[in-house]
Amino acid sequence: MANALVSIQILPRTPGGANAIPYVDRAIEVIKQSGVPYRVAPLETTMEGDLDQLLGIVQEMNKAMTEMGCESVISQVKISYNPKHGASMDRLLEKYPDGQ
């Protein structure tokens, strides 16, 4: 059972002021490769799983940005942690099946 939801907005300081979209795409690829459930939204991506694992993914995302040449990275992170009852994107969104 997942015990956490972690939402992240990653803001890389790109080399030479390059478009950030390819860098954000790479960060999302790190999430995808991890195998955890996730949802991409316009301003952040939310992951579901074990808190320690999700924080490790955040770390890998930041490392990926520096490996691509970013001097620095800002990551805005929101965490919902519920070890007793678990955490679920589906449960939180069940009232909004169409995303509305």
PDB file of N, CA and C in Angstrom:
ATOM      1  N   MET A   1       0.837  -1.182   0.000  1.00  0.00           N
ATOM      2  CA  MET A   1       0.000   0.000   0.000  1.00  0.00           C
ATOM      3  C   MET A   1       0.884   1.249   0.000  1.00  0.00           C
ATOM      4  N   ALA A   2       0.571   2.169  -0.860  1.00  0.00           N
ATOM      5  CA  ALA A   2       1.281   3.440  -0.915  1.00  0.00           C
ATOM      6  C   ALA A   2       0.990   4.230   0.352  1.00  0.00           C
ATOM      7  N   ASN A   3       2.018   4.880   0.898  1.00  0.00           N
ATOM      8  CA  ASN A   3       1.795   5.689   2.086  1.00  0.00           C
ATOM      9  C   ASN A   3       1.966   7.185   1.824  1.00  0.00           C
ATOM     10  N   ALA A   4       2.255   7.549   0.565  1.00  0.00           N
ATOM     11  CA  ALA A   4       2.511   8.966   0.293  1.00  0.00           C
ATOM     12  C   ALA A   4       2.164   9.346  -1.142  1.00  0.00           C
ATOM     13  N   LEU A   5       1.846  10.606  -1.297  1.00  0.00           N
ATOM     14  CA  LEU A   5       1.764  11.264  -2.591  1.00  0.00           C
ATOM     15  C   LEU A   5       2.798  12.376  -2.554  1.00  0.00           C
ATOM     16  N   VAL A   6       3.581  12.487  -3.601  1.00  0.00           N
ATOM     17  CA  VAL A   6       4.557  13.572  -3.709  1.00  0.00           C
ATOM     18  C   VAL A   6       4.333  14.253  -5.044  1.00  0.00           C
ATOM     19  N   SER A   7       4.055  15.551  -4.977  1.00  0.00           N
ATOM     20  CA  SER A   7       3.926  16.360  -6.191  1.00  0.00           C
ATOM     21  C   SER A   7       5.179  17.206  -6.320  1.00  0.00           C
ATOM     22  N   ILE A   8       5.675  17.309  -7.550  1.00  0.00           N
ATOM     23  CA  ILE A   8       6.886  18.074  -7.780  1.00  0.00           C
ATOM     24  C   ILE A   8       6.746  18.950  -9.014  1.00  0.00           C
ATOM     25  N   GLN A   9       7.222  20.164  -8.867  1.00  0.00           N
ATOM     26  CA  GLN A   9       7.421  21.068  -9.998  1.00  0.00           C
ATOM     27  C   GLN A   9       8.915  21.333 -10.031  1.00  0.00           C
ATOM     28  N   ILE A  10       9.567  20.934 -11.099  1.00  0.00           N
ATOM     29  CA  ILE A  10      11.012  21.085 -11.210  1.00  0.00           C
ATOM     30  C   ILE A  10      11.322  22.276 -12.118  1.00  0.00           C
ATOM     31  N   LEU A  11      12.204  23.138 -11.638  1.00  0.00           N
ATOM     32  CA  LEU A  11      12.549  24.368 -12.344  1.00  0.00           C
ATOM     33  C   LEU A  11      14.063  24.400 -12.550  1.00  0.00           C
ATOM     34  N   PRO A  12      14.528  23.827 -13.644  1.00  0.00           N
ATOM     35  CA  PRO A  12      15.975  23.793 -13.882  1.00  0.00           C
ATOM     36  C   PRO A  12      16.487  25.134 -14.405  1.00  0.00           C
ATOM     37  N   ARG A  13      17.670  25.507 -13.942  1.00  0.00           N
ATOM     38  CA  ARG A  13      18.353  26.676 -14.529  1.00  0.00           C
ATOM     39  C   ARG A  13      19.152  26.142 -15.705  1.00  0.00           C
ATOM     40  N   THR A  14      18.576  26.289 -16.877  1.00  0.00           N
ATOM     41  CA  THR A  14      19.120  25.645 -18.074  1.00  0.00           C
ATOM     42  C   THR A  14      20.345  26.387 -18.605  1.00  0.00           C
ATOM     43  N   PRO A  15      21.250  25.659 -19.250  1.00  0.00           N
ATOM     44  CA  PRO A  15      22.438  26.296 -19.821  1.00  0.00           C
ATOM     45  C   PRO A  15      22.058  27.330 -20.875  1.00  0.00           C
ATOM     46  N   GLY A  16      22.582  28.534 -20.735  1.00  0.00           N
ATOM     47  CA  GLY A  16      22.335  29.569 -21.725  1.00  0.00           C
ATOM     48  C   GLY A  16      20.887  30.001 -21.833  1.00  0.00           C
ATOM     49  N   GLY A  17      20.079  29.694 -20.821  1.00  0.00           N
ATOM     50  CA  GLY A  17      18.666  30.061 -20.865  1.00  0.00           C
ATOM     51  C   GLY A  17      17.853  29.246 -21.848  1.00  0.00           C
ATOM     52  N   ALA A  18      18.315  28.038 -22.147  1.00  0.00           N
ATOM     53  CA  ALA A  18      17.618  27.160 -23.092  1.00  0.00           C
ATOM     54  C   ALA A  18      16.197  26.855 -22.613  1.00  0.00           C
ATOM     55  N   ASN A  19      15.336  26.511 -23.545  1.00  0.00           N
ATOM     56  CA  ASN A  19      13.967  26.105 -23.252  1.00  0.00           C
ATOM     57  C   ASN A  19      13.981  24.975 -22.213  1.00  0.00           C
ATOM     58  N   ALA A  20      13.186  25.100 -21.170  1.00  0.00           N
ATOM     59  CA  ALA A  20      13.185  24.119 -20.083  1.00  0.00           C
ATOM     60  C   ALA A  20      12.413  22.851 -20.413  1.00  0.00           C
ATOM     61  N   ILE A  21      11.580  22.864 -21.453  1.00  0.00           N
ATOM     62  CA  ILE A  21      10.713  21.720 -21.737  1.00  0.00           C
ATOM     63  C   ILE A  21      11.484  20.402 -21.910  1.00  0.00           C
ATOM     64  N   PRO A  22      12.578  20.340 -22.665  1.00  0.00           N
ATOM     65  CA  PRO A  22      13.303  19.070 -22.771  1.00  0.00           C
ATOM     66  C   PRO A  22      13.853  18.585 -21.424  1.00  0.00           C
ATOM     67  N   TYR A  23      14.153  19.506 -20.543  1.00  0.00           N
ATOM     68  CA  TYR A  23      14.659  19.150 -19.217  1.00  0.00           C
ATOM     69  C   TYR A  23      13.530  18.602 -18.354  1.00  0.00           C
ATOM     70  N   VAL A  24      12.379  19.239 -18.418  1.00  0.00           N
ATOM     71  CA  VAL A  24      11.210  18.748 -17.689  1.00  0.00           C
ATOM     72  C   VAL A  24      10.801  17.378 -18.228  1.00  0.00           C
ATOM     73  N   ASP A  25      10.864  17.210 -19.542  1.00  0.00           N
ATOM     74  CA  ASP A  25      10.566  15.895 -20.132  1.00  0.00           C
ATOM     75  C   ASP A  25      11.498  14.826 -19.571  1.00  0.00           C
ATOM     76  N   ARG A  26      12.760  15.158 -19.412  1.00  0.00           N
ATOM     77  CA  ARG A  26      13.733  14.204 -18.852  1.00  0.00           C
ATOM     78  C   ARG A  26      13.388  13.885 -17.397  1.00  0.00           C
ATOM     79  N   ALA A  27      12.996  14.904 -16.638  1.00  0.00           N
ATOM     80  CA  ALA A  27      12.614  14.668 -15.244  1.00  0.00           C
ATOM     81  C   ALA A  27      11.413  13.728 -15.168  1.00  0.00           C
ATOM     82  N   ILE A  28      10.441  13.911 -16.055  1.00  0.00           N
ATOM     83  CA  ILE A  28       9.280  13.021 -16.078  1.00  0.00           C
ATOM     84  C   ILE A  28       9.695  11.617 -16.500  1.00  0.00           C
ATOM     85  N   GLU A  29      10.659  11.514 -17.383  1.00  0.00           N
ATOM     86  CA  GLU A  29      11.175  10.193 -17.786  1.00  0.00           C
ATOM     87  C   GLU A  29      11.785   9.458 -16.589  1.00  0.00           C
ATOM     88  N   VAL A  30      12.451  10.187 -15.696  1.00  0.00           N
ATOM     89  CA  VAL A  30      13.000   9.571 -14.477  1.00  0.00           C
ATOM     90  C   VAL A  30      11.861   8.955 -13.664  1.00  0.00           C
ATOM     91  N   ILE A  31      10.761   9.677 -13.542  1.00  0.00           N
ATOM     92  CA  ILE A  31       9.603   9.148 -12.814  1.00  0.00           C
ATOM     93  C   ILE A  31       9.072   7.905 -13.523  1.00  0.00           C
ATOM     94  N   LYS A  32       8.886   8.005 -14.819  1.00  0.00           N
ATOM     95  CA  LYS A  32       8.351   6.884 -15.601  1.00  0.00           C
ATOM     96  C   LYS A  32       9.210   5.630 -15.431  1.00  0.00           C
ATOM     97  N   GLN A  33      10.521   5.807 -15.509  1.00  0.00           N
ATOM     98  CA  GLN A  33      11.440   4.670 -15.384  1.00  0.00           C
ATOM     99  C   GLN A  33      11.400   4.038 -13.989  1.00  0.00           C
ATOM    100  N   SER A  34      10.968   4.794 -12.995  1.00  0.00           N
ATOM    101  CA  SER A  34      10.914   4.263 -11.627  1.00  0.00           C
ATOM    102  C   SER A  34       9.810   3.227 -11.463  1.00  0.00           C
ATOM    103  N   GLY A  35       8.768   3.324 -12.285  1.00  0.00           N
ATOM    104  CA  GLY A  35       7.668   2.371 -12.205  1.00  0.00           C
ATOM    105  C   GLY A  35       6.562   2.753 -11.237  1.00  0.00           C
ATOM    106  N   VAL A  36       6.686   3.881 -10.534  1.00  0.00           N
ATOM    107  CA  VAL A  36       5.619   4.271  -9.608  1.00  0.00           C
ATOM    108  C   VAL A  36       4.457   4.885 -10.385  1.00  0.00           C
ATOM    109  N   PRO A  37       3.238   4.778  -9.860  1.00  0.00           N
ATOM    110  CA  PRO A  37       2.115   5.460 -10.492  1.00  0.00           C
ATOM    111  C   PRO A  37       2.332   6.971 -10.435  1.00  0.00           C
ATOM    112  N   TYR A  38       1.984   7.669 -11.515  1.00  0.00           N
ATOM    113  CA  TYR A  38       2.165   9.117 -11.548  1.00  0.00           C
ATOM    114  C   TYR A  38       1.156   9.742 -12.484  1.00  0.00           C
ATOM    115  N   ARG A  39       0.935  11.043 -12.298  1.00  0.00           N
ATOM    116  CA  ARG A  39       0.060  11.820 -13.175  1.00  0.00           C
ATOM    117  C   ARG A  39       0.734  13.146 -13.472  1.00  0.00           C
ATOM    118  N   VAL A  40       0.828  13.456 -14.736  1.00  0.00           N
ATOM    119  CA  VAL A  40       1.382  14.731 -15.166  1.00  0.00           C
ATOM    120  C   VAL A  40       0.236  15.731 -15.271  1.00  0.00           C
ATOM    121  N   ALA A  41       0.432  16.898 -14.675  1.00  0.00           N
ATOM    122  CA  ALA A  41      -0.528  17.992 -14.765  1.00  0.00           C
ATOM    123  C   ALA A  41       0.208  19.204 -15.334  1.00  0.00           C
ATOM    124  N   PRO A  42      -0.509  20.264 -15.666  1.00  0.00           N
ATOM    125  CA  PRO A  42       0.146  21.400 -16.311  1.00  0.00           C
ATOM    126  C   PRO A  42       1.280  22.030 -15.506  1.00  0.00           C
ATOM    127  N   LEU A  43       1.175  22.043 -14.182  1.00  0.00           N
ATOM    128  CA  LEU A  43       2.175  22.744 -13.382  1.00  0.00           C
ATOM    129  C   LEU A  43       2.977  21.865 -12.433  1.00  0.00           C
ATOM    130  N   GLU A  44       2.649  20.586 -12.360  1.00  0.00           N
ATOM    131  CA  GLU A  44       3.376  19.667 -11.489  1.00  0.00           C
ATOM    132  C   GLU A  44       3.039  18.236 -11.867  1.00  0.00           C
ATOM    133  N   THR A  45       3.838  17.333 -11.363  1.00  0.00           N
ATOM    134  CA  THR A  45       3.587  15.908 -11.553  1.00  0.00           C
ATOM    135  C   THR A  45       3.469  15.270 -10.178  1.00  0.00           C
ATOM    136  N   THR A  46       2.477  14.399 -10.010  1.00  0.00           N
ATOM    137  CA  THR A  46       2.242  13.741  -8.733  1.00  0.00           C
ATOM    138  C   THR A  46       2.580  12.261  -8.854  1.00  0.00           C
ATOM    139  N   MET A  47       3.316  11.771  -7.845  1.00  0.00           N
ATOM    140  CA  MET A  47       3.696  10.360  -7.772  1.00  0.00           C
ATOM    141  C   MET A  47       3.040   9.728  -6.543  1.00  0.00           C
ATOM    142  N   GLU A  48       2.823   8.422  -6.621  1.00  0.00           N
ATOM    143  CA  GLU A  48       2.211   7.682  -5.518  1.00  0.00           C
ATOM    144  C   GLU A  48       3.112   6.515  -5.152  1.00  0.00           C
ATOM    145  N   GLY A  49       3.372   6.330  -3.860  1.00  0.00           N
ATOM    146  CA  GLY A  49       4.190   5.201  -3.432  1.00  0.00           C
ATOM    147  C   GLY A  49       4.692   5.348  -2.012  1.00  0.00           C
ATOM    148  N   ASP A  50       5.799   4.683  -1.731  1.00  0.00           N
ATOM    149  CA  ASP A  50       6.447   4.755  -0.429  1.00  0.00           C
ATOM    150  C   ASP A  50       7.235   6.063  -0.344  1.00  0.00           C
ATOM    151  N   LEU A  51       7.090   6.782   0.748  1.00  0.00           N
ATOM    152  CA  LEU A  51       7.710   8.100   0.873  1.00  0.00           C
ATOM    153  C   LEU A  51       9.211   8.059   0.605  1.00  0.00           C
ATOM    154  N   ASP A  52       9.919   7.098   1.183  1.00  0.00           N
ATOM    155  CA  ASP A  52      11.365   7.023   0.961  1.00  0.00           C
ATOM    156  C   ASP A  52      11.696   6.843  -0.518  1.00  0.00           C
ATOM    157  N   GLN A  53      10.954   5.984  -1.194  1.00  0.00           N
ATOM    158  CA  GLN A  53      11.187   5.765  -2.616  1.00  0.00           C
ATOM    159  C   GLN A  53      10.912   7.032  -3.417  1.00  0.00           C
ATOM    160  N   LEU A  54       9.817   7.719  -3.099  1.00  0.00           N
ATOM    161  CA  LEU A  54       9.455   8.919  -3.842  1.00  0.00           C
ATOM    162  C   LEU A  54      10.488  10.033  -3.647  1.00  0.00           C
ATOM    163  N   LEU A  55      10.995  10.164  -2.434  1.00  0.00           N
ATOM    164  CA  LEU A  55      12.026  11.174  -2.195  1.00  0.00           C
ATOM    165  C   LEU A  55      13.309  10.823  -2.935  1.00  0.00           C
ATOM    166  N   GLY A  56      13.591   9.535  -3.064  1.00  0.00           N
ATOM    167  CA  GLY A  56      14.733   9.103  -3.867  1.00  0.00           C
ATOM    168  C   GLY A  56      14.558   9.471  -5.335  1.00  0.00           C
ATOM    169  N   ILE A  57      13.338   9.370  -5.832  1.00  0.00           N
ATOM    170  CA  ILE A  57      13.058   9.752  -7.222  1.00  0.00           C
ATOM    171  C   ILE A  57      13.264  11.253  -7.403  1.00  0.00           C
ATOM    172  N   VAL A  58      12.823  12.047  -6.431  1.00  0.00           N
ATOM    173  CA  VAL A  58      13.056  13.496  -6.484  1.00  0.00           C
ATOM    174  C   VAL A  58      14.556  13.776  -6.576  1.00  0.00           C
ATOM    175  N   GLN A  59      15.326  13.064  -5.792  1.00  0.00           N
ATOM    176  CA  GLN A  59      16.784  13.228  -5.838  1.00  0.00           C
ATOM    177  C   GLN A  59      17.330  12.868  -7.214  1.00  0.00           C
ATOM    178  N   GLU A  60      16.855  11.778  -7.789  1.00  0.00           N
ATOM    179  CA  GLU A  60      17.316  11.371  -9.119  1.00  0.00           C
ATOM    180  C   GLU A  60      16.919  12.382 -10.188  1.00  0.00           C
ATOM    181  N   MET A  61      15.749  12.971 -10.046  1.00  0.00           N
ATOM    182  CA  MET A  61      15.313  13.994 -10.993  1.00  0.00           C
ATOM    183  C   MET A  61      16.268  15.189 -10.967  1.00  0.00           C
ATOM    184  N   ASN A  62      16.633  15.615  -9.773  1.00  0.00           N
ATOM    185  CA  ASN A  62      17.558  16.741  -9.646  1.00  0.00           C
ATOM    186  C   ASN A  62      18.929  16.398 -10.216  1.00  0.00           C
ATOM    187  N   LYS A  63      19.398  15.192  -9.960  1.00  0.00           N
ATOM    188  CA  LYS A  63      20.681  14.756 -10.519  1.00  0.00           C
ATOM    189  C   LYS A  63      20.635  14.741 -12.043  1.00  0.00           C
ATOM    190  N   ALA A  64      19.514  14.290 -12.593  1.00  0.00           N
ATOM    191  CA  ALA A  64      19.372  14.251 -14.057  1.00  0.00           C
ATOM    192  C   ALA A  64      19.498  15.645 -14.654  1.00  0.00           C
ATOM    193  N   MET A  65      18.988  16.640 -13.946  1.00  0.00           N
ATOM    194  CA  MET A  65      19.071  18.012 -14.458  1.00  0.00           C
ATOM    195  C   MET A  65      20.528  18.485 -14.501  1.00  0.00           C
ATOM    196  N   THR A  66      21.282  18.193 -13.445  1.00  0.00           N
ATOM    197  CA  THR A  66      22.685  18.621 -13.442  1.00  0.00           C
ATOM    198  C   THR A  66      23.493  17.823 -14.454  1.00  0.00           C
ATOM    199  N   GLU A  67      23.135  16.564 -14.665  1.00  0.00           N
ATOM    200  CA  GLU A  67      23.824  15.754 -15.683  1.00  0.00           C
ATOM    201  C   GLU A  67      23.564  16.304 -17.080  1.00  0.00           C
ATOM    202  N   MET A  68      22.438  17.000 -17.274  1.00  0.00           N
ATOM    203  CA  MET A  68      22.126  17.614 -18.563  1.00  0.00           C
ATOM    204  C   MET A  68      22.764  18.997 -18.701  1.00  0.00           C
ATOM    205  N   GLY A  69      23.479  19.424 -17.683  1.00  0.00           N
ATOM    206  CA  GLY A  69      24.197  20.687 -17.767  1.00  0.00           C
ATOM    207  C   GLY A  69      23.601  21.849 -17.003  1.00  0.00           C
ATOM    208  N   CYS A  70      22.555  21.610 -16.244  1.00  0.00           N
ATOM    209  CA  CYS A  70      21.966  22.696 -15.461  1.00  0.00           C
ATOM    210  C   CYS A  70      22.879  23.046 -14.296  1.00  0.00           C
ATOM    211  N   GLU A  71      23.069  24.341 -14.110  1.00  0.00           N
ATOM    212  CA  GLU A  71      23.901  24.824 -13.010  1.00  0.00           C
ATOM    213  C   GLU A  71      23.228  24.594 -11.659  1.00  0.00           C
ATOM    214  N   SER A  72      21.911  24.767 -11.638  1.00  0.00           N
ATOM    215  CA  SER A  72      21.146  24.587 -10.405  1.00  0.00           C
ATOM    216  C   SER A  72      19.709  24.198 -10.752  1.00  0.00           C
ATOM    217  N   VAL A  73      19.000  23.737  -9.731  1.00  0.00           N
ATOM    218  CA  VAL A  73      17.622  23.282  -9.910  1.00  0.00           C
ATOM    219  C   VAL A  73      16.824  23.695  -8.680  1.00  0.00           C
ATOM    220  N   ILE A  74      15.634  24.195  -8.903  1.00  0.00           N
ATOM    221  CA  ILE A  74      14.687  24.410  -7.812  1.00  0.00           C
ATOM    222  C   ILE A  74      13.597  23.357  -7.972  1.00  0.00           C
ATOM    223  N   SER A  75      13.308  22.646  -6.884  1.00  0.00           N
ATOM    224  CA  SER A  75      12.226  21.667  -6.889  1.00  0.00           C
ATOM    225  C   SER A  75      11.216  22.073  -5.833  1.00  0.00           C
ATOM    226  N   GLN A  76      10.011  22.374  -6.277  1.00  0.00           N
ATOM    227  CA  GLN A  76       8.934  22.675  -5.349  1.00  0.00           C
ATOM    228  C   GLN A  76       8.167  21.385  -5.132  1.00  0.00           C
ATOM    229  N   VAL A  77       8.139  20.939  -3.873  1.00  0.00           N
ATOM    230  CA  VAL A  77       7.606  19.618  -3.547  1.00  0.00           C
ATOM    231  C   VAL A  77       6.474  19.743  -2.526  1.00  0.00           C
ATOM    232  N   LYS A  78       5.400  18.994  -2.777  1.00  0.00           N
ATOM    233  CA  LYS A  78       4.304  18.852  -1.814  1.00  0.00           C
ATOM    234  C   LYS A  78       4.232  17.371  -1.442  1.00  0.00           C
ATOM    235  N   ILE A  79       4.049  17.105  -0.154  1.00  0.00           N
ATOM    236  CA  ILE A  79       4.002  15.727   0.318  1.00  0.00           C
ATOM    237  C   ILE A  79       2.728  15.508   1.126  1.00  0.00           C
ATOM    238  N   SER A  80       2.015  14.452   0.781  1.00  0.00           N
ATOM    239  CA  SER A  80       0.908  13.964   1.597  1.00  0.00           C
ATOM    240  C   SER A  80       1.334  12.589   2.106  1.00  0.00           C
ATOM    241  N   TYR A  81       1.484  12.460   3.416  1.00  0.00           N
ATOM    242  CA  TYR A  81       1.999  11.229   4.023  1.00  0.00           C
ATOM    243  C   TYR A  81       0.971  10.686   5.001  1.00  0.00           C
ATOM    244  N   ASN A  82       0.552   9.445   4.789  1.00  0.00           N
ATOM    245  CA  ASN A  82      -0.440   8.826   5.656  1.00  0.00           C
ATOM    246  C   ASN A  82      -0.077   7.364   5.852  1.00  0.00           C
ATOM    247  N   PRO A  83       0.840   7.085   6.798  1.00  0.00           N
ATOM    248  CA  PRO A  83       1.292   5.700   6.975  1.00  0.00           C
ATOM    249  C   PRO A  83       0.210   4.761   7.517  1.00  0.00           C
ATOM    250  N   LYS A  84      -0.777   5.313   8.209  1.00  0.00           N
ATOM    251  CA  LYS A  84      -1.811   4.467   8.800  1.00  0.00           C
ATOM    252  C   LYS A  84      -2.852   4.015   7.785  1.00  0.00           C
ATOM    253  N   HIS A  85      -3.332   4.938   6.946  1.00  0.00           N
ATOM    254  CA  HIS A  85      -4.423   4.620   6.023  1.00  0.00           C
ATOM    255  C   HIS A  85      -4.005   4.607   4.556  1.00  0.00           C
ATOM    256  N   GLY A  86      -2.787   4.982   4.284  1.00  0.00           N
ATOM    257  CA  GLY A  86      -2.302   4.988   2.914  1.00  0.00           C
ATOM    258  C   GLY A  86      -2.687   6.257   2.171  1.00  0.00           C
ATOM    259  N   ALA A  87      -2.135   6.380   0.986  1.00  0.00           N
ATOM    260  CA  ALA A  87      -2.380   7.550   0.149  1.00  0.00           C
ATOM    261  C   ALA A  87      -2.697   7.070  -1.262  1.00  0.00           C
ATOM    262  N   SER A  88      -3.657   7.719  -1.902  1.00  0.00           N
ATOM    263  CA  SER A  88      -4.082   7.284  -3.223  1.00  0.00           C
ATOM    264  C   SER A  88      -4.559   8.470  -4.053  1.00  0.00           C
ATOM    265  N   MET A  89      -3.989   8.630  -5.229  1.00  0.00           N
ATOM    266  CA  MET A  89      -4.477   9.663  -6.153  1.00  0.00           C
ATOM    267  C   MET A  89      -5.919   9.378  -6.529  1.00  0.00           C
ATOM    268  N   ASP A  90      -6.231   8.118  -6.830  1.00  0.00           N
ATOM    269  CA  ASP A  90      -7.591   7.753  -7.237  1.00  0.00           C
ATOM    270  C   ASP A  90      -8.603   8.101  -6.155  1.00  0.00           C
ATOM    271  N   ARG A  91      -8.253   7.810  -4.896  1.00  0.00           N
ATOM    272  CA  ARG A  91      -9.177   8.090  -3.794  1.00  0.00           C
ATOM    273  C   ARG A  91      -9.421   9.599  -3.670  1.00  0.00           C
ATOM    274  N   LEU A  92      -8.374  10.397  -3.815  1.00  0.00           N
ATOM    275  CA  LEU A  92      -8.529  11.848  -3.707  1.00  0.00           C
ATOM    276  C   LEU A  92      -9.312  12.439  -4.869  1.00  0.00           C
ATOM    277  N   LEU A  93      -9.248  11.791  -6.019  1.00  0.00           N
ATOM    278  CA  LEU A  93      -9.890  12.332  -7.220  1.00  0.00           C
ATOM    279  C   LEU A  93     -11.204  11.660  -7.590  1.00  0.00           C
ATOM    280  N   GLU A  94     -11.690  10.723  -6.770  1.00  0.00           N
ATOM    281  CA  GLU A  94     -12.877   9.955  -7.148  1.00  0.00           C
ATOM    282  C   GLU A  94     -14.107  10.833  -7.379  1.00  0.00           C
ATOM    283  N   LYS A  95     -14.188  12.004  -6.759  1.00  0.00           N
ATOM    284  CA  LYS A  95     -15.316  12.905  -6.985  1.00  0.00           C
ATOM    285  C   LYS A  95     -15.204  13.641  -8.307  1.00  0.00           C
ATOM    286  N   TYR A  96     -14.048  13.550  -8.958  1.00  0.00           N
ATOM    287  CA  TYR A  96     -13.788  14.295 -10.183  1.00  0.00           C
ATOM    288  C   TYR A  96     -13.342  13.368 -11.305  1.00  0.00           C
ATOM    289  N   PRO A  97     -14.195  12.452 -11.740  1.00  0.00           N
ATOM    290  CA  PRO A  97     -13.774  11.449 -12.721  1.00  0.00           C
ATOM    291  C   PRO A  97     -13.335  12.036 -14.057  1.00  0.00           C
ATOM    292  N   ASP A  98     -13.843  13.206 -14.402  1.00  0.00           N
ATOM    293  CA  ASP A  98     -13.486  13.821 -15.676  1.00  0.00           C
ATOM    294  C   ASP A  98     -12.448  14.912 -15.507  1.00  0.00           C
ATOM    295  N   GLY A  99     -11.862  15.013 -14.305  1.00  0.00           N
ATOM    296  CA  GLY A  99     -10.866  16.034 -14.050  1.00  0.00           C
ATOM    297  C   GLY A  99     -11.473  17.431 -13.931  1.00  0.00           C
ATOM    298  N   GLN A 100     -12.772  17.510 -13.717  1.00  0.00           N
ATOM    299  CA  GLN A 100     -13.455  18.807 -13.635  1.00  0.00           C
ATOM    300  C   GLN A 100     -13.868  19.114 -12.223  1.00  0.00           C
TER     301      GLN A 100
END
